[in-house]
C-alpha atoms as a PDB file:
ATOM      1  CA  UNK A   1      20.537   5.494  26.157  1.00  0.00           C
ATOM      2  CA  UNK A   2      16.824   4.271  24.974  1.00  0.00           C
ATOM      3  CA  UNK A   3      13.892   2.848  26.353  1.00  0.00           C
ATOM      4  CA  UNK A   4      12.003   0.108  24.312  1.00  0.00           C
ATOM      5  CA  UNK A   5       8.736  -1.706  24.813  1.00  0.00           C
ATOM      6  CA  UNK A   6       4.970  -0.622  24.434  1.00  0.00           C
ATOM      7  CA  UNK A   7       2.699   2.397  25.080  1.00  0.00           C
ATOM      8  CA  UNK A   8      -0.971   2.608  25.271  1.00  0.00           C
ATOM      9  CA  UNK A   9      -1.463   6.167  24.911  1.00  0.00           C
ATOM     10  CA  UNK A  10      -1.652   7.133  21.137  1.00  0.00           C
ATOM     11  CA  UNK A  11      -2.470  10.667  21.538  1.00  0.00           C
ATOM     12  CA  UNK A  12       0.760  11.501  23.587  1.00  0.00           C
ATOM     13  CA  UNK A  13       0.945  14.879  24.033  1.00  0.00           C
ATOM     14  CA  UNK A  14       3.271  15.499  26.908  1.00  0.00           C
ATOM     15  CA  UNK A  15       5.902  18.391  27.762  1.00  0.00           C
ATOM     16  CA  UNK A  16       8.952  17.892  26.928  1.00  0.00           C
ATOM     17  CA  UNK A  17       9.801  17.639  30.849  1.00  0.00           C
ATOM     18  CA  UNK A  18       7.930  14.860  31.119  1.00  0.00           C
ATOM     19  CA  UNK A  19       9.297  11.743  29.057  1.00  0.00           C
ATOM     20  CA  UNK A  20       6.604   9.430  27.261  1.00  0.00           C
ATOM     21  CA  UNK A  21       8.716   6.157  29.469  1.00  0.00           C
ATOM     22  CA  UNK A  22       6.530   7.951  32.160  1.00  0.00           C
ATOM     23  CA  UNK A  23       3.303   7.721  30.963  1.00  0.00           C
ATOM     24  CA  UNK A  24       1.120   5.123  33.164  1.00  0.00           C
ATOM     25  CA  UNK A  25       0.450   3.404  29.645  1.00  0.00           C
ATOM     26  CA  UNK A  26       3.993   2.791  28.846  1.00  0.00           C
ATOM     27  CA  UNK A  27       5.693  -1.003  30.298  1.00  0.00           C
ATOM     28  CA  UNK A  28       9.315  -1.969  28.692  1.00  0.00           C
ATOM     29  CA  UNK A  29      13.229  -1.668  29.587  1.00  0.00           C
ATOM     30  CA  UNK A  30      16.058   0.684  29.229  1.00  0.00           C
ATOM     31  CA  UNK A  31      19.661   0.970  28.402  1.00  0.00           C
ATOM     32  CA  UNK A  32      20.477   1.221  31.768  1.00  0.00           C
ATOM     33  CA  UNK A  33      19.601  -0.716  34.442  1.00  0.00           C
ATOM     34  CA  UNK A  34      15.593   0.599  34.744  1.00  0.00           C
ATOM     35  CA  UNK A  35      12.166  -1.385  33.697  1.00  0.00           C
ATOM     36  CA  UNK A  36       9.450   1.223  33.217  1.00  0.00           C
ATOM     37  CA  UNK A  37       5.765  -0.535  34.363  1.00  0.00           C
ATOM     38  CA  UNK A  38       2.800   1.747  33.592  1.00  0.00           C
ATOM     39  CA  UNK A  39       5.576   4.238  33.504  1.00  0.00           C
ATOM     40  CA  UNK A  40       7.349   4.245  36.819  1.00  0.00           C
ATOM     41  CA  UNK A  41      10.601   3.192  37.067  1.00  0.00           C
ATOM     42  CA  UNK A  42      12.256   0.111  38.230  1.00  0.00           C
ATOM     43  CA  UNK A  43      15.875  -0.339  38.764  1.00  0.00           C
ATOM     44  CA  UNK A  44      17.204  -3.862  38.086  1.00  0.00           C
ATOM     45  CA  UNK A  45      14.418  -6.339  38.776  1.00  0.00           C
ATOM     46  CA  UNK A  46      15.676  -9.544  38.613  1.00  0.00           C
ATOM     47  CA  UNK A  47      18.686 -10.045  36.614  1.00  0.00           C
ATOM     48  CA  UNK A  48      17.864  -6.529  34.265  1.00  0.00           C
ATOM     49  CA  UNK A  49      20.994  -4.800  33.215  1.00  0.00           C
ATOM     50  CA  UNK A  50      20.045  -2.576  30.556  1.00  0.00           C
ATOM     51  CA  UNK A  51      19.782  -3.538  26.899  1.00  0.00           C
ATOM     52  CA  UNK A  52      23.466  -3.292  25.944  1.00  0.00           C
ATOM     53  CA  UNK A  53      25.272  -2.445  22.176  1.00  0.00           C
ATOM     54  CA  UNK A  54      24.826  -5.593  20.177  1.00  0.00           C
ATOM     55  CA  UNK A  55      21.996  -7.232  21.770  1.00  0.00           C
ATOM     56  CA  UNK A  56      19.137  -8.421  19.617  1.00  0.00           C
ATOM     57  CA  UNK A  57      16.029  -9.016  21.448  1.00  0.00           C
ATOM     58  CA  UNK A  58      11.964 -10.484  20.184  1.00  0.00           C
ATOM     59  CA  UNK A  59       9.612  -8.776  22.120  1.00  0.00           C
ATOM     60  CA  UNK A  60       6.015  -9.976  22.288  1.00  0.00           C
ATOM     61  CA  UNK A  61       2.715  -9.152  23.405  1.00  0.00           C
ATOM     62  CA  UNK A  62      -0.153 -11.256  25.172  1.00  0.00           C
ATOM     63  CA  UNK A  63      -3.079  -8.598  25.427  1.00  0.00           C
ATOM     64  CA  UNK A  64      -4.980 -11.583  26.720  1.00  0.00           C
ATOM     65  CA  UNK A  65      -2.450 -12.131  29.679  1.00  0.00           C
ATOM     66  CA  UNK A  66      -1.409  -8.567  29.725  1.00  0.00           C
ATOM     67  CA  UNK A  67       2.311  -9.389  29.549  1.00  0.00           C
ATOM     68  CA  UNK A  68       4.989  -8.435  27.579  1.00  0.00           C
ATOM     69  CA  UNK A  69       8.071 -10.275  27.288  1.00  0.00           C
ATOM     70  CA  UNK A  70      11.914  -9.702  25.663  1.00  0.00           C
ATOM     71  CA  UNK A  71      13.614 -12.659  24.326  1.00  0.00           C
ATOM     72  CA  UNK A  72      16.884 -11.321  24.725  1.00  0.00           C
ATOM     73  CA  UNK A  73      20.144 -12.522  22.604  1.00  0.00           C
ATOM     74  CA  UNK A  74      23.453 -11.495  24.274  1.00  0.00           C
ATOM     75  CA  UNK A  75      26.837 -12.817  23.495  1.00  0.00           C
ATOM     76  CA  UNK A  76      25.472 -16.472  22.551  1.00  0.00           C
ATOM     77  CA  UNK A  77      23.405 -16.976  25.099  1.00  0.00           C
ATOM     78  CA  UNK A  78      19.865 -16.292  25.851  1.00  0.00           C
ATOM     79  CA  UNK A  79      17.760 -14.393  28.881  1.00  0.00           C
ATOM     80  CA  UNK A  80      14.232 -13.888  28.981  1.00  0.00           C
ATOM     81  CA  UNK A  81      12.053 -11.362  31.002  1.00  0.00           C
ATOM     82  CA  UNK A  82       8.402 -10.770  31.165  1.00  0.00           C
ATOM     83  CA  UNK A  83       6.560  -7.634  32.594  1.00  0.00           C
ATOM     84  CA  UNK A  84       3.160  -8.832  33.651  1.00  0.00           C
ATOM     85  CA  UNK A  85      -0.079  -6.884  34.647  1.00  0.00           C
ATOM     86  CA  UNK A  86       0.267  -4.258  31.051  1.00  0.00           C
ATOM     87  CA  UNK A  87      -3.405  -4.182  30.404  1.00  0.00           C
ATOM     88  CA  UNK A  88      -3.517  -1.717  27.710  1.00  0.00           C
ATOM     89  CA  UNK A  89      -7.728  -2.181  26.599  1.00  0.00           C
ATOM     90  CA  UNK A  90      -7.038   1.016  23.994  1.00  0.00           C
ATOM     91  CA  UNK A  91      -4.392  -1.595  22.022  1.00  0.00           C
ATOM     92  CA  UNK A  92      -0.843  -1.608  22.263  1.00  0.00           C
ATOM     93  CA  UNK A  93       1.789   0.733  20.156  1.00  0.00           C
ATOM     94  CA  UNK A  94       5.408   0.067  19.883  1.00  0.00           C
ATOM     95  CA  UNK A  95       7.214   2.321  21.617  1.00  0.00           C
ATOM     96  CA  UNK A  96      10.768   4.013  21.452  1.00  0.00           C
ATOM     97  CA  UNK A  97      12.099   6.514  23.834  1.00  0.00           C
ATOM     98  CA  UNK A  98      15.756   7.987  22.454  1.00  0.00           C
ATOM     99  CA  UNK A  99      17.436   8.862  25.762  1.00  0.00           C
ATOM    100  CA  UNK A 100      20.594  10.388  24.536  1.00  0.00           C
ATOM    101  CA  UNK A 101      22.201  10.942  21.220  1.00  0.00           C
ATOM    102  CA  UNK A 102      24.131   8.658  18.934  1.00  0.00           C
ATOM    103  CA  UNK A 103      21.168   5.801  20.038  1.00  0.00           C
ATOM    104  CA  UNK A 104      20.377   3.319  17.526  1.00  0.00           C
ATOM    105  CA  UNK A 105      17.283   0.986  16.842  1.00  0.00           C
ATOM    106  CA  UNK A 106      17.324  -1.457  13.570  1.00  0.00           C
ATOM    107  CA  UNK A 107      14.041  -3.483  13.306  1.00  0.00           C
ATOM    108  CA  UNK A 108      14.636  -7.037  11.757  1.00  0.00           C
ATOM    109  CA  UNK A 109      11.526  -9.977  10.889  1.00  0.00           C
ATOM    110  CA  UNK A 110      14.460 -11.903  11.709  1.00  0.00           C
ATOM    111  CA  UNK A 111      17.123 -12.792  13.904  1.00  0.00           C
END
């Protein structure tokens, strides 16, 4: 499994028993039906049912609106999700947390 999103903490120094997605500056979506908002797990808000193999997504972070958005392409359809109140005054960094072996992510400039 994975968690994809943004994080504001650029000097993350956490013990191995404390995953980065629990940091208070972490916002994102997981491959399970969890969404992380300021490090707190929310189960399946809205219609979020987790990232699936073959999903393609476009992430957008708007500092002025404090919103992280995900446009997810799955099986010929498009779904859109947003996390609001993502205020990261010191900047936002791409955040990937690999939870299990075998998970992969590929970045591309095009879909």
